[in-house]
Amino acid sequence: MTIDDLPIGRVARVAHLIANTAGVELTERLEEIGFTQGESVAVLTRGVPGGDPLVVRVGQSRFALRRSEAQCVHVITDCV
């Protein structure tokens, strides 16, 4: 499951990052801003129309992510 799949308000933990067509640079940037293994994440809201971008809380910070970026962050929900 990725952040893009999370319902609004559902808390999860980052499992790992997977590079998409944007490459490793994107996953490195996501890691630098806090999307690290085990960190708490939640989708706070989605843009209208189409659900893009997503406002995501990671730790105590908030970021707007494109859906393509959110699909790089794989999460675990059953351990939170």
PDB file of N, CA and C in Angstrom:
ATOM      1  N   MET A   1       0.848  -1.166   0.000  1.00  0.00           N
ATOM      2  CA  MET A   1       0.000   0.000   0.000  1.00  0.00           C
ATOM      3  C   MET A   1       0.898   1.235   0.000  1.00  0.00           C
ATOM      4  N   THR A   2       0.486   2.260  -0.723  1.00  0.00           N
ATOM      5  CA  THR A   2       1.237   3.514  -0.764  1.00  0.00           C
ATOM      6  C   THR A   2       0.441   4.615  -0.063  1.00  0.00           C
ATOM      7  N   ILE A   3       1.083   5.750   0.172  1.00  0.00           N
ATOM      8  CA  ILE A   3       0.377   6.876   0.787  1.00  0.00           C
ATOM      9  C   ILE A   3      -0.835   7.255  -0.058  1.00  0.00           C
ATOM     10  N   ASP A   4      -0.702   7.165  -1.369  1.00  0.00           N
ATOM     11  CA  ASP A   4      -1.807   7.502  -2.270  1.00  0.00           C
ATOM     12  C   ASP A   4      -3.047   6.643  -2.001  1.00  0.00           C
ATOM     13  N   ASP A   5      -2.871   5.437  -1.465  1.00  0.00           N
ATOM     14  CA  ASP A   5      -3.977   4.528  -1.177  1.00  0.00           C
ATOM     15  C   ASP A   5      -4.634   4.786   0.183  1.00  0.00           C
ATOM     16  N   LEU A   6      -3.981   5.551   1.051  1.00  0.00           N
ATOM     17  CA  LEU A   6      -4.507   5.757   2.405  1.00  0.00           C
ATOM     18  C   LEU A   6      -5.767   6.614   2.395  1.00  0.00           C
ATOM     19  N   PRO A   7      -6.770   6.216   3.173  1.00  0.00           N
ATOM     20  CA  PRO A   7      -7.924   7.094   3.370  1.00  0.00           C
ATOM     21  C   PRO A   7      -7.504   8.323   4.183  1.00  0.00           C
ATOM     22  N   ILE A   8      -8.208   9.411   4.018  1.00  0.00           N
ATOM     23  CA  ILE A   8      -7.915  10.622   4.788  1.00  0.00           C
ATOM     24  C   ILE A   8      -8.023  10.322   6.274  1.00  0.00           C
ATOM     25  N   GLY A   9      -6.998  10.743   7.017  1.00  0.00           N
ATOM     26  CA  GLY A   9      -6.983  10.580   8.467  1.00  0.00           C
ATOM     27  C   GLY A   9      -6.403   9.280   8.974  1.00  0.00           C
ATOM     28  N   ARG A  10      -6.229   8.291   8.118  1.00  0.00           N
ATOM     29  CA  ARG A  10      -5.679   7.001   8.553  1.00  0.00           C
ATOM     30  C   ARG A  10      -4.178   7.130   8.772  1.00  0.00           C
ATOM     31  N   VAL A  11      -3.706   6.735   9.936  1.00  0.00           N
ATOM     32  CA  VAL A  11      -2.286   6.820  10.266  1.00  0.00           C
ATOM     33  C   VAL A  11      -1.601   5.527   9.862  1.00  0.00           C
ATOM     34  N   ALA A  12      -0.407   5.656   9.295  1.00  0.00           N
ATOM     35  CA  ALA A  12       0.388   4.492   8.886  1.00  0.00           C
ATOM     36  C   ALA A  12       1.848   4.791   9.202  1.00  0.00           C
ATOM     37  N   ARG A  13       2.700   3.845   8.910  1.00  0.00           N
ATOM     38  CA  ARG A  13       4.147   4.027   9.075  1.00  0.00           C
ATOM     39  C   ARG A  13       4.823   3.753   7.739  1.00  0.00           C
ATOM     40  N   VAL A  14       5.875   4.524   7.462  1.00  0.00           N
ATOM     41  CA  VAL A  14       6.630   4.324   6.234  1.00  0.00           C
ATOM     42  C   VAL A  14       7.333   2.969   6.294  1.00  0.00           C
ATOM     43  N   ALA A  15       7.121   2.152   5.265  1.00  0.00           N
ATOM     44  CA  ALA A  15       7.795   0.860   5.165  1.00  0.00           C
ATOM     45  C   ALA A  15       9.080   1.014   4.359  1.00  0.00           C
ATOM     46  N   HIS A  16       8.963   1.593   3.162  1.00  0.00           N
ATOM     47  CA  HIS A  16      10.121   1.815   2.299  1.00  0.00           C
ATOM     48  C   HIS A  16       9.727   2.725   1.147  1.00  0.00           C
ATOM     49  N   LEU A  17      10.725   3.214   0.440  1.00  0.00           N
ATOM     50  CA  LEU A  17      10.519   4.068  -0.719  1.00  0.00           C
ATOM     51  C   LEU A  17      10.902   3.296  -1.975  1.00  0.00           C
ATOM     52  N   ILE A  18      10.123   3.468  -3.032  1.00  0.00           N
ATOM     53  CA  ILE A  18      10.391   2.834  -4.317  1.00  0.00           C
ATOM     54  C   ILE A  18      10.462   3.930  -5.376  1.00  0.00           C
ATOM     55  N   ALA A  19      11.541   3.955  -6.133  1.00  0.00           N
ATOM     56  CA  ALA A  19      11.690   4.962  -7.193  1.00  0.00           C
ATOM     57  C   ALA A  19      10.684   4.694  -8.307  1.00  0.00           C
ATOM     58  N   ASN A  20      10.106   5.793  -8.837  1.00  0.00           N
ATOM     59  CA  ASN A  20       9.221   5.677  -9.993  1.00  0.00           C
ATOM     60  C   ASN A  20       9.971   6.187 -11.211  1.00  0.00           C
ATOM     61  N   THR A  21       9.260   6.653 -12.210  1.00  0.00           N
ATOM     62  CA  THR A  21       9.922   7.142 -13.422  1.00  0.00           C
ATOM     63  C   THR A  21      10.751   8.391 -13.156  1.00  0.00           C
ATOM     64  N   ALA A  22      10.502   9.092 -12.056  1.00  0.00           N
ATOM     65  CA  ALA A  22      11.301  10.268 -11.705  1.00  0.00           C
ATOM     66  C   ALA A  22      12.682   9.875 -11.204  1.00  0.00           C
ATOM     67  N   GLY A  23      12.849   8.599 -10.832  1.00  0.00           N
ATOM     68  CA  GLY A  23      14.164   8.100 -10.458  1.00  0.00           C
ATOM     69  C   GLY A  23      14.506   8.212  -8.993  1.00  0.00           C
ATOM     70  N   VAL A  24      15.744   7.884  -8.721  1.00  0.00           N
ATOM     71  CA  VAL A  24      16.267   7.832  -7.360  1.00  0.00           C
ATOM     72  C   VAL A  24      16.303   9.218  -6.722  1.00  0.00           C
ATOM     73  N   GLU A  25      16.449  10.262  -7.520  1.00  0.00           N
ATOM     74  CA  GLU A  25      16.500  11.610  -6.962  1.00  0.00           C
ATOM     75  C   GLU A  25      15.250  11.921  -6.151  1.00  0.00           C
ATOM     76  N   LEU A  26      14.098  11.469  -6.632  1.00  0.00           N
ATOM     77  CA  LEU A  26      12.846  11.712  -5.911  1.00  0.00           C
ATOM     78  C   LEU A  26      12.838  10.992  -4.574  1.00  0.00           C
ATOM     79  N   THR A  27      13.218   9.727  -4.547  1.00  0.00           N
ATOM     80  CA  THR A  27      13.215   8.998  -3.280  1.00  0.00           C
ATOM     81  C   THR A  27      14.219   9.596  -2.302  1.00  0.00           C
ATOM     82  N   GLU A  28      15.343  10.082  -2.802  1.00  0.00           N
ATOM     83  CA  GLU A  28      16.316  10.730  -1.920  1.00  0.00           C
ATOM     84  C   GLU A  28      15.732  12.015  -1.335  1.00  0.00           C
ATOM     85  N   ARG A  29      15.017  12.790  -2.147  1.00  0.00           N
ATOM     86  CA  ARG A  29      14.394  14.027  -1.665  1.00  0.00           C
ATOM     87  C   ARG A  29      13.327  13.715  -0.621  1.00  0.00           C
ATOM     88  N   LEU A  30      12.507  12.686  -0.888  1.00  0.00           N
ATOM     89  CA  LEU A  30      11.473  12.301   0.075  1.00  0.00           C
ATOM     90  C   LEU A  30      12.101  11.879   1.402  1.00  0.00           C
ATOM     91  N   GLU A  31      13.183  11.132   1.332  1.00  0.00           N
ATOM     92  CA  GLU A  31      13.863  10.711   2.550  1.00  0.00           C
ATOM     93  C   GLU A  31      14.431  11.916   3.307  1.00  0.00           C
ATOM     94  N   GLU A  32      14.987  12.879   2.583  1.00  0.00           N
ATOM     95  CA  GLU A  32      15.555  14.073   3.207  1.00  0.00           C
ATOM     96  C   GLU A  32      14.510  14.903   3.950  1.00  0.00           C
ATOM     97  N   ILE A  33      13.267  14.911   3.468  1.00  0.00           N
ATOM     98  CA  ILE A  33      12.245  15.720   4.143  1.00  0.00           C
ATOM     99  C   ILE A  33      11.488  14.940   5.216  1.00  0.00           C
ATOM    100  N   GLY A  34      11.868  13.672   5.442  1.00  0.00           N
ATOM    101  CA  GLY A  34      11.306  12.964   6.586  1.00  0.00           C
ATOM    102  C   GLY A  34      10.616  11.650   6.315  1.00  0.00           C
ATOM    103  N   PHE A  35      10.479  11.251   5.069  1.00  0.00           N
ATOM    104  CA  PHE A  35       9.825   9.980   4.760  1.00  0.00           C
ATOM    105  C   PHE A  35      10.825   8.843   4.922  1.00  0.00           C
ATOM    106  N   THR A  36      11.108   8.509   6.180  1.00  0.00           N
ATOM    107  CA  THR A  36      12.068   7.463   6.510  1.00  0.00           C
ATOM    108  C   THR A  36      11.341   6.275   7.130  1.00  0.00           C
ATOM    109  N   GLN A  37      11.959   5.125   7.035  1.00  0.00           N
ATOM    110  CA  GLN A  37      11.347   3.898   7.536  1.00  0.00           C
ATOM    111  C   GLN A  37      10.921   4.047   8.991  1.00  0.00           C
ATOM    112  N   GLY A  38       9.662   3.680   9.256  1.00  0.00           N
ATOM    113  CA  GLY A  38       9.112   3.720  10.604  1.00  0.00           C
ATOM    114  C   GLY A  38       8.440   5.025  10.989  1.00  0.00           C
ATOM    115  N   GLU A  39       8.611   6.073  10.181  1.00  0.00           N
ATOM    116  CA  GLU A  39       8.019   7.376  10.503  1.00  0.00           C
ATOM    117  C   GLU A  39       6.501   7.344  10.309  1.00  0.00           C
ATOM    118  N   SER A  40       5.782   8.006  11.179  1.00  0.00           N
ATOM    119  CA  SER A  40       4.330   8.095  11.119  1.00  0.00           C
ATOM    120  C   SER A  40       3.900   9.027   9.992  1.00  0.00           C
ATOM    121  N   VAL A  41       2.884   8.599   9.212  1.00  0.00           N
ATOM    122  CA  VAL A  41       2.357   9.415   8.110  1.00  0.00           C
ATOM    123  C   VAL A  41       0.834   9.326   8.090  1.00  0.00           C
ATOM    124  N   ALA A  42       0.210  10.378   7.549  1.00  0.00           N
ATOM    125  CA  ALA A  42      -1.239  10.385   7.360  1.00  0.00           C
ATOM    126  C   ALA A  42      -1.576  11.370   6.244  1.00  0.00           C
ATOM    127  N   VAL A  43      -2.616  11.051   5.477  1.00  0.00           N
ATOM    128  CA  VAL A  43      -3.128  11.977   4.466  1.00  0.00           C
ATOM    129  C   VAL A  43      -4.134  12.883   5.160  1.00  0.00           C
ATOM    130  N   LEU A  44      -3.912  14.193   5.084  1.00  0.00           N
ATOM    131  CA  LEU A  44      -4.803  15.147   5.741  1.00  0.00           C
ATOM    132  C   LEU A  44      -5.925  15.602   4.822  1.00  0.00           C
ATOM    133  N   THR A  45      -5.638  15.779   3.545  1.00  0.00           N
ATOM    134  CA  THR A  45      -6.643  16.183   2.572  1.00  0.00           C
ATOM    135  C   THR A  45      -6.125  15.902   1.170  1.00  0.00           C
ATOM    136  N   ARG A  46      -7.038  15.914   0.216  1.00  0.00           N
ATOM    137  CA  ARG A  46      -6.694  15.716  -1.196  1.00  0.00           C
ATOM    138  C   ARG A  46      -7.239  16.891  -1.995  1.00  0.00           C
ATOM    139  N   GLY A  47      -6.495  17.263  -3.024  1.00  0.00           N
ATOM    140  CA  GLY A  47      -6.927  18.351  -3.886  1.00  0.00           C
ATOM    141  C   GLY A  47      -8.159  17.972  -4.694  1.00  0.00           C
ATOM    142  N   VAL A  48      -8.877  19.005  -5.134  1.00  0.00           N
ATOM    143  CA  VAL A  48     -10.073  18.806  -5.951  1.00  0.00           C
ATOM    144  C   VAL A  48      -9.848  19.553  -7.244  1.00  0.00           C
ATOM    145  N   PRO A  49     -10.150  19.048  -8.376  1.00  0.00           N
ATOM    146  CA  PRO A  49     -10.637  17.694  -8.645  1.00  0.00           C
ATOM    147  C   PRO A  49      -9.489  16.699  -8.801  1.00  0.00           C
ATOM    148  N   GLY A  50      -9.798  15.452  -8.764  1.00  0.00           N
ATOM    149  CA  GLY A  50      -8.835  14.394  -9.042  1.00  0.00           C
ATOM    150  C   GLY A  50      -7.940  13.954  -7.910  1.00  0.00           C
ATOM    151  N   GLY A  51      -8.023  14.580  -6.755  1.00  0.00           N
ATOM    152  CA  GLY A  51      -7.245  14.124  -5.612  1.00  0.00           C
ATOM    153  C   GLY A  51      -5.772  14.480  -5.661  1.00  0.00           C
ATOM    154  N   ASP A  52      -5.412  15.483  -6.438  1.00  0.00           N
ATOM    155  CA  ASP A  52      -4.005  15.845  -6.585  1.00  0.00           C
ATOM    156  C   ASP A  52      -3.860  17.342  -6.385  1.00  0.00           C
ATOM    157  N   PRO A  53      -3.007  17.818  -5.511  1.00  0.00           N
ATOM    158  CA  PRO A  53      -2.041  17.096  -4.691  1.00  0.00           C
ATOM    159  C   PRO A  53      -2.662  16.589  -3.387  1.00  0.00           C
ATOM    160  N   LEU A  54      -1.875  15.842  -2.628  1.00  0.00           N
ATOM    161  CA  LEU A  54      -2.270  15.366  -1.309  1.00  0.00           C
ATOM    162  C   LEU A  54      -1.520  16.186  -0.269  1.00  0.00           C
ATOM    163  N   VAL A  55      -2.178  16.546   0.814  1.00  0.00           N
ATOM    164  CA  VAL A  55      -1.489  17.153   1.952  1.00  0.00           C
ATOM    165  C   VAL A  55      -1.244  16.018   2.936  1.00  0.00           C
ATOM    166  N   VAL A  56       0.028  15.795   3.233  1.00  0.00           N
ATOM    167  CA  VAL A  56       0.442  14.638   4.026  1.00  0.00           C
ATOM    168  C   VAL A  56       1.194  15.115   5.261  1.00  0.00           C
ATOM    169  N   ARG A  57       0.878  14.517   6.401  1.00  0.00           N
ATOM    170  CA  ARG A  57       1.647  14.768   7.621  1.00  0.00           C
ATOM    171  C   ARG A  57       2.662  13.637   7.770  1.00  0.00           C
ATOM    172  N   VAL A  58       3.910  13.998   7.924  1.00  0.00           N
ATOM    173  CA  VAL A  58       4.958  13.020   8.222  1.00  0.00           C
ATOM    174  C   VAL A  58       5.650  13.511   9.480  1.00  0.00           C
ATOM    175  N   GLY A  59       5.601  12.709  10.535  1.00  0.00           N
ATOM    176  CA  GLY A  59       6.084  13.176  11.824  1.00  0.00           C
ATOM    177  C   GLY A  59       5.246  14.371  12.251  1.00  0.00           C
ATOM    178  N   GLN A  60       5.884  15.508  12.513  1.00  0.00           N
ATOM    179  CA  GLN A  60       5.178  16.735  12.908  1.00  0.00           C
ATOM    180  C   GLN A  60       5.102  17.757  11.773  1.00  0.00           C
ATOM    181  N   SER A  61       5.557  17.384  10.578  1.00  0.00           N
ATOM    182  CA  SER A  61       5.580  18.298   9.434  1.00  0.00           C
ATOM    183  C   SER A  61       4.477  17.976   8.443  1.00  0.00           C
ATOM    184  N   ARG A  62       4.111  18.982   7.644  1.00  0.00           N
ATOM    185  CA  ARG A  62       3.097  18.800   6.602  1.00  0.00           C
ATOM    186  C   ARG A  62       3.694  19.169   5.256  1.00  0.00           C
ATOM    187  N   PHE A  63       3.349  18.355   4.248  1.00  0.00           N
ATOM    188  CA  PHE A  63       3.854  18.573   2.898  1.00  0.00           C
ATOM    189  C   PHE A  63       2.740  18.320   1.895  1.00  0.00           C
ATOM    190  N   ALA A  64       2.815  19.008   0.768  1.00  0.00           N
ATOM    191  CA  ALA A  64       1.943  18.708  -0.365  1.00  0.00           C
ATOM    192  C   ALA A  64       2.736  17.817  -1.310  1.00  0.00           C
ATOM    193  N   LEU A  65       2.164  16.664  -1.640  1.00  0.00           N
ATOM    194  CA  LEU A  65       2.805  15.730  -2.562  1.00  0.00           C
ATOM    195  C   LEU A  65       1.918  15.496  -3.768  1.00  0.00           C
ATOM    196  N   ARG A  66       2.516  15.402  -4.929  1.00  0.00           N
ATOM    197  CA  ARG A  66       1.785  14.947  -6.108  1.00  0.00           C
ATOM    198  C   ARG A  66       1.471  13.467  -5.897  1.00  0.00           C
ATOM    199  N   ARG A  67       0.426  13.002  -6.550  1.00  0.00           N
ATOM    200  CA  ARG A  67       0.078  11.582  -6.428  1.00  0.00           C
ATOM    201  C   ARG A  67       1.237  10.702  -6.868  1.00  0.00           C
ATOM    202  N   SER A  68       1.940  11.096  -7.924  1.00  0.00           N
ATOM    203  CA  SER A  68       3.076  10.304  -8.404  1.00  0.00           C
ATOM    204  C   SER A  68       4.175  10.211  -7.350  1.00  0.00           C
ATOM    205  N   GLU A  69       4.347  11.251  -6.549  1.00  0.00           N
ATOM    206  CA  GLU A  69       5.326  11.215  -5.459  1.00  0.00           C
ATOM    207  C   GLU A  69       4.830  10.335  -4.321  1.00  0.00           C
ATOM    208  N   ALA A  70       3.545  10.474  -3.986  1.00  0.00           N
ATOM    209  CA  ALA A  70       2.958   9.681  -2.909  1.00  0.00           C
ATOM    210  C   ALA A  70       3.003   8.184  -3.218  1.00  0.00           C
ATOM    211  N   GLN A  71       2.953   7.833  -4.482  1.00  0.00           N
ATOM    212  CA  GLN A  71       2.987   6.419  -4.879  1.00  0.00           C
ATOM    213  C   GLN A  71       4.361   5.795  -4.680  1.00  0.00           C
ATOM    214  N   CYS A  72       5.374   6.598  -4.394  1.00  0.00           N
ATOM    215  CA  CYS A  72       6.721   6.085  -4.118  1.00  0.00           C
ATOM    216  C   CYS A  72       6.894   5.674  -2.662  1.00  0.00           C
ATOM    217  N   VAL A  73       5.972   6.122  -1.794  1.00  0.00           N
ATOM    218  CA  VAL A  73       6.104   5.873  -0.358  1.00  0.00           C
ATOM    219  C   VAL A  73       5.181   4.725   0.032  1.00  0.00           C
ATOM    220  N   HIS A  74       5.775   3.565   0.291  1.00  0.00           N
ATOM    221  CA  HIS A  74       5.008   2.389   0.705  1.00  0.00           C
ATOM    222  C   HIS A  74       4.876   2.394   2.221  1.00  0.00           C
ATOM    223  N   VAL A  75       3.665   2.076   2.687  1.00  0.00           N
ATOM    224  CA  VAL A  75       3.351   2.187   4.114  1.00  0.00           C
ATOM    225  C   VAL A  75       2.772   0.885   4.658  1.00  0.00           C
ATOM    226  N   ILE A  76       2.814   0.789   5.976  1.00  0.00           N
ATOM    227  CA  ILE A  76       2.210  -0.324   6.724  1.00  0.00           C
ATOM    228  C   ILE A  76       1.145   0.282   7.632  1.00  0.00           C
ATOM    229  N   THR A  77      -0.062  -0.251   7.590  1.00  0.00           N
ATOM    230  CA  THR A  77      -1.146   0.310   8.409  1.00  0.00           C
ATOM    231  C   THR A  77      -1.501  -0.547   9.607  1.00  0.00           C
ATOM    232  N   ASP A  78      -1.198  -1.820   9.599  1.00  0.00           N
ATOM    233  CA  ASP A  78      -1.680  -2.705  10.666  1.00  0.00           C
ATOM    234  C   ASP A  78      -0.855  -2.627  11.939  1.00  0.00           C
ATOM    235  N   CYS A  79       0.235  -1.854  11.953  1.00  0.00           N
ATOM    236  CA  CYS A  79       1.071  -1.794  13.142  1.00  0.00           C
ATOM    237  C   CYS A  79       0.919  -0.482  13.897  1.00  0.00           C
ATOM    238  N   VAL A  80      -0.030   0.360  13.471  1.00  0.00           N
ATOM    239  CA  VAL A  80      -0.190   1.666  14.104  1.00  0.00           C
ATOM    240  C   VAL A  80      -1.401   1.640  15.004  1.00  0.00           C
TER     241      VAL A  80
END
